[in-house]
Amino acid sequence: MILSFFDQFASPSYLGIPLIALALTLPWVMYPKPSTQWLTNRVLTLQGWFINRFTQQLLLPLNTQGHTWAALFASLMLFLISLNMLGLLPYTFTPTTQLSLNMGLAVPLWLATVIIGMRNQPTVALGHLLPEGTPTLLIPVLIIIETISLFIRPLALGVRLTANLTAGHLLIQLIATAAFVLAPLMPTVAILTATLLFLLTLLEVAVAMIQAYVFVLLLSLYLQENV
C-alpha cells in the first residue's frame, strides 16, 4: 500500500516510450491562438488581460533591460500553471513533481541571470557576496556563506516546487483512500472526509497557481540583482 501511493509520481510509459514528453507538450495545445481580428472571443480577451497584468506586476521593479525577459517569464508562468493544474485531474501525470524537470528549468534560468550580471556589471554582481561594512575577520566566512547561498538558489527553486506539489498529491490520495474505505463502515465519517477532500482539492488548486507564480517571481528577483 505504501509503495502504491508513490506510483502516481512514476513517469508513465507506453511500449517502453516515456510519455512525459506528451505531458509537457499538452499545455501548449490547449491555449487558443491569438487572432488578428479586432474583436475576439472572451477566452482570448481574458487570456490577454491575464498575461498583461501578470507581466506588468512582475516586471515593475525591473529596469528596461530586464523587460526583455517578459515573454520568457509569461510563457514559463503559463506553462507551469498548466502542468500543475492538469496534474490535479484524475488519471493524469504531473511532470512538475519530478525534481529532474524542475531543476532542468531552474538551473539554466538561474545561470543565465548570473552570467548576465557577471558580463554587464561584474563589480556589482561580486559585491553581493560581501555586504558593506563587514568586519575584516568575517570577510572570508561571509564570502563562503554568500557563495554557498548563491549556488543553493536553483536547488531551492526546484525542491520548493517539487515538495509542495508532491505533498499535496499525497494528501489528496491519502484522504481519498480513507473516504473510500470508510464509506461502507462509517458513512457519516466518510462524508466528512469527502468534504475535507473537496476543501483540500480547492487548496491544491491555489497551491498549483501560487507555486508557479513564486517560481517565476524568484527568478525575476534574481534577475533584478544582475541588471
Protein backbone atom coordinates (compact mmCIF):
# COMPACT_ATOMS: atom_id res chain seq x y z
CA MET A 1 0.00 0.00 0.00
CA ILE A 2 2.84 2.39 0.86
CA LEU A 3 4.52 1.89 -2.48
CA SER A 4 1.26 2.36 -4.39
CA PHE A 5 0.92 5.90 -3.02
CA PHE A 6 4.12 6.87 -4.81
CA ASP A 7 3.27 5.12 -8.07
CA GLN A 8 1.49 8.27 -9.24
CA PHE A 9 4.85 10.07 -9.37
CA ALA A 10 6.46 7.50 -11.67
CA SER A 11 6.80 8.67 -15.26
CA PRO A 12 4.29 6.72 -17.38
CA SER A 13 5.44 4.86 -20.46
CA TYR A 14 3.80 3.09 -23.38
CA LEU A 15 5.66 0.34 -25.25
CA GLY A 16 8.80 1.45 -23.44
CA ILE A 17 8.41 5.06 -24.59
CA PRO A 18 8.15 7.63 -21.76
CA LEU A 19 5.03 9.76 -22.09
CA ILE A 20 6.39 12.73 -20.16
CA ALA A 21 7.09 14.46 -23.49
CA LEU A 22 3.38 14.24 -24.32
CA ALA A 23 2.51 15.70 -20.92
CA LEU A 24 4.92 18.60 -21.50
CA THR A 25 3.54 19.46 -24.93
CA LEU A 26 -0.14 19.21 -23.98
CA PRO A 27 -0.41 22.66 -22.32
CA TRP A 28 0.66 24.45 -25.50
CA VAL A 29 -2.16 22.80 -27.46
CA MET A 30 -4.84 23.89 -25.00
CA TYR A 31 -4.37 27.66 -25.25
CA PRO A 32 -6.17 29.44 -28.11
CA LYS A 33 -4.03 31.09 -30.74
CA PRO A 34 -4.03 34.91 -30.95
CA SER A 35 -6.27 36.39 -33.59
CA THR A 36 -5.55 39.32 -35.93
CA GLN A 37 -9.16 40.48 -35.73
CA TRP A 38 -10.11 43.49 -33.65
CA LEU A 39 -12.99 41.69 -31.96
CA THR A 40 -12.10 38.37 -30.35
CA ASN A 41 -13.92 35.96 -28.06
CA ARG A 42 -13.99 36.13 -24.27
CA VAL A 43 -11.32 33.45 -23.82
CA LEU A 44 -8.72 35.36 -25.82
CA THR A 45 -9.64 38.60 -24.11
CA LEU A 46 -9.31 37.04 -20.65
CA GLN A 47 -6.04 35.38 -21.62
CA GLY A 48 -4.58 38.64 -22.92
CA TRP A 49 -5.70 40.54 -19.82
CA PHE A 50 -4.15 37.94 -17.51
CA ILE A 51 -0.82 37.95 -19.34
CA ASN A 52 -0.68 41.75 -19.43
CA ARG A 53 -1.48 42.14 -15.73
CA PHE A 54 0.95 39.42 -14.70
CA THR A 55 3.77 40.80 -16.84
CA GLN A 56 3.17 44.34 -15.60
CA GLN A 57 3.23 43.25 -11.95
CA LEU A 58 6.27 41.00 -12.39
CA LEU A 59 8.43 43.46 -14.31
CA LEU A 60 7.55 46.51 -12.18
CA PRO A 61 10.80 46.50 -10.14
CA LEU A 62 12.99 45.72 -13.18
CA ASN A 63 14.65 48.27 -15.41
CA THR A 64 14.29 48.46 -19.18
CA GLN A 65 16.98 45.84 -19.80
CA GLY A 66 15.10 43.32 -17.67
CA HIS A 67 11.90 43.85 -19.67
CA THR A 68 13.38 41.73 -22.46
CA TRP A 69 12.60 38.71 -20.26
CA ALA A 70 8.85 39.46 -20.30
CA ALA A 71 7.94 36.88 -22.94
CA LEU A 72 10.04 34.18 -21.23
CA PHE A 73 8.56 34.82 -17.80
CA ALA A 74 4.97 34.95 -19.08
CA SER A 75 5.42 31.74 -21.07
CA LEU A 76 7.04 29.96 -18.13
CA MET A 77 4.25 31.08 -15.81
CA LEU A 78 1.51 29.76 -18.11
CA PHE A 79 3.45 26.56 -18.70
CA LEU A 80 3.89 25.79 -15.01
CA ILE A 81 0.30 26.70 -14.12
CA SER A 82 -0.98 24.43 -16.88
CA LEU A 83 1.16 21.48 -15.81
CA ASN A 84 0.22 21.91 -12.15
CA MET A 85 -3.50 22.25 -12.85
CA LEU A 86 -3.64 19.35 -15.31
CA GLY A 87 -1.96 17.15 -12.72
CA LEU A 88 -4.97 17.58 -10.42
CA LEU A 89 -7.24 15.80 -12.89
CA PRO A 90 -7.88 12.07 -12.34
CA TYR A 91 -5.65 9.58 -14.17
CA THR A 92 -3.14 12.24 -15.16
CA PHE A 93 0.58 12.70 -14.60
CA THR A 94 2.17 15.84 -13.14
CA PRO A 95 5.62 16.40 -14.67
CA THR A 96 6.42 19.15 -12.13
CA THR A 97 6.53 16.54 -9.34
CA GLN A 98 9.79 15.34 -10.92
CA LEU A 99 12.81 17.06 -9.38
CA SER A 100 14.84 16.49 -12.55
CA LEU A 101 12.38 18.53 -14.62
CA ASN A 102 12.20 21.37 -12.11
CA MET A 103 15.97 21.51 -11.82
CA GLY A 104 16.21 21.48 -15.61
CA LEU A 105 14.09 24.63 -15.62
CA ALA A 106 15.68 26.32 -12.60
CA VAL A 107 19.41 25.81 -13.24
CA PRO A 108 19.66 27.26 -16.80
CA LEU A 109 17.49 30.28 -15.99
CA TRP A 110 19.36 30.99 -12.75
CA LEU A 111 22.68 30.56 -14.53
CA ALA A 112 21.55 32.97 -17.24
CA THR A 113 20.83 35.67 -14.63
CA VAL A 114 24.26 35.13 -13.05
CA ILE A 115 26.06 35.28 -16.42
CA ILE A 116 24.22 38.49 -17.33
CA GLY A 117 25.32 40.07 -14.06
CA MET A 118 28.95 38.98 -14.50
CA ARG A 119 29.01 40.27 -18.05
CA ASN A 120 27.25 43.62 -17.63
CA GLN A 121 28.24 44.68 -14.11
CA PRO A 122 30.80 42.28 -12.60
CA THR A 123 31.68 44.63 -9.72
CA VAL A 124 28.07 44.87 -8.53
CA ALA A 125 27.48 41.14 -9.04
CA LEU A 126 30.53 40.21 -6.99
CA GLY A 127 29.68 42.88 -4.43
CA HIS A 128 26.61 40.87 -3.40
CA LEU A 129 28.99 38.28 -1.95
CA LEU A 130 30.27 40.76 0.65
CA PRO A 131 27.93 43.19 2.43
CA GLU A 132 29.22 46.69 3.00
CA GLY A 133 30.74 47.39 6.42
CA THR A 134 31.69 43.79 7.14
CA PRO A 135 34.43 43.39 9.79
CA THR A 136 37.75 42.24 8.40
CA LEU A 137 37.79 38.99 10.35
CA LEU A 138 34.38 37.96 8.98
CA ILE A 139 35.16 38.66 5.33
CA PRO A 140 36.36 35.13 4.38
CA VAL A 141 33.48 33.47 6.26
CA LEU A 142 30.83 35.73 4.72
CA ILE A 143 32.19 35.23 1.22
CA ILE A 144 31.94 31.46 1.65
CA ILE A 145 28.41 31.70 3.10
CA GLU A 146 27.16 34.04 0.36
CA THR A 147 28.72 31.86 -2.35
CA ILE A 148 27.00 28.78 -0.95
CA SER A 149 23.68 30.64 -0.75
CA LEU A 150 24.13 31.74 -4.36
CA PHE A 151 24.57 28.17 -5.60
CA ILE A 152 21.71 26.90 -3.44
CA ARG A 153 19.20 29.17 -5.21
CA PRO A 154 18.40 26.86 -8.16
CA LEU A 155 18.18 23.89 -5.81
CA ALA A 156 15.71 25.79 -3.63
CA LEU A 157 13.62 26.67 -6.70
CA GLY A 158 13.37 23.07 -7.86
CA VAL A 159 12.90 21.48 -4.45
CA ARG A 160 10.23 24.00 -3.39
CA LEU A 161 8.08 23.31 -6.44
CA THR A 162 8.58 19.54 -6.24
CA ALA A 163 7.95 19.26 -2.49
CA ASN A 164 4.77 21.35 -2.45
CA LEU A 165 3.14 19.51 -5.34
CA THR A 166 4.24 16.08 -4.12
CA ALA A 167 2.92 16.71 -0.60
CA GLY A 168 -0.40 17.93 -1.97
CA HIS A 169 -0.89 14.93 -4.22
CA LEU A 170 -0.03 12.53 -1.40
CA LEU A 171 -2.52 14.20 0.94
CA ILE A 172 -5.27 14.04 -1.67
CA GLN A 173 -4.62 10.35 -2.30
CA LEU A 174 -4.46 9.51 1.42
CA ILE A 175 -7.72 11.30 2.23
CA ALA A 176 -9.44 9.86 -0.86
CA THR A 177 -8.37 6.36 0.17
CA ALA A 178 -9.66 6.96 3.70
CA ALA A 179 -13.03 8.19 2.40
CA PHE A 180 -13.33 5.14 0.12
CA VAL A 181 -12.51 2.71 2.94
CA LEU A 182 -14.81 4.40 5.48
CA ALA A 183 -17.81 4.67 3.13
CA PRO A 184 -19.29 1.18 3.86
CA LEU A 185 -18.23 1.21 7.53
CA MET A 186 -18.98 4.74 8.78
CA PRO A 187 -20.90 6.74 6.18
CA THR A 188 -21.05 9.89 8.31
CA VAL A 189 -17.30 9.97 8.82
CA ALA A 190 -16.83 9.21 5.13
CA ILE A 191 -18.97 12.22 4.19
CA LEU A 192 -16.91 14.46 6.46
CA THR A 193 -13.73 13.02 4.95
CA ALA A 194 -15.06 13.67 1.44
CA THR A 195 -15.83 17.26 2.44
CA LEU A 196 -12.28 17.64 3.70
CA LEU A 197 -11.06 16.17 0.41
CA PHE A 198 -13.05 18.76 -1.54
CA LEU A 199 -11.60 21.61 0.53
CA LEU A 200 -8.10 20.19 0.15
CA THR A 201 -8.58 20.00 -3.62
CA LEU A 202 -9.51 23.69 -3.69
CA LEU A 203 -6.40 24.41 -1.64
CA GLU A 204 -4.26 22.43 -4.08
CA VAL A 205 -5.66 24.45 -6.98
CA ALA A 206 -4.49 27.58 -5.20
CA VAL A 207 -1.12 25.98 -4.40
CA ALA A 208 -0.66 24.97 -8.05
CA MET A 209 -1.08 28.59 -9.15
CA ILE A 210 0.86 30.13 -6.26
CA GLN A 211 3.87 27.84 -6.68
CA ALA A 212 4.10 28.64 -10.38
CA TYR A 213 3.95 32.35 -9.56
CA VAL A 214 6.58 32.02 -6.80
CA PHE A 215 8.93 30.15 -9.15
CA VAL A 216 8.80 32.93 -11.75
CA LEU A 217 8.81 35.68 -9.12
CA LEU A 218 12.04 34.42 -7.55
CA LEU A 219 13.64 34.23 -10.98
CA SER A 220 12.68 37.85 -11.58
CA LEU A 221 14.23 38.82 -8.24
CA TYR A 222 17.43 37.04 -9.18
CA LEU A 223 17.39 38.92 -12.48
CA GLN A 224 16.80 42.21 -10.67
CA GLU A 225 20.07 41.78 -8.79
CA ASN A 226 22.03 41.40 -12.02
CA VAL A 227 20.56 44.01 -14.39
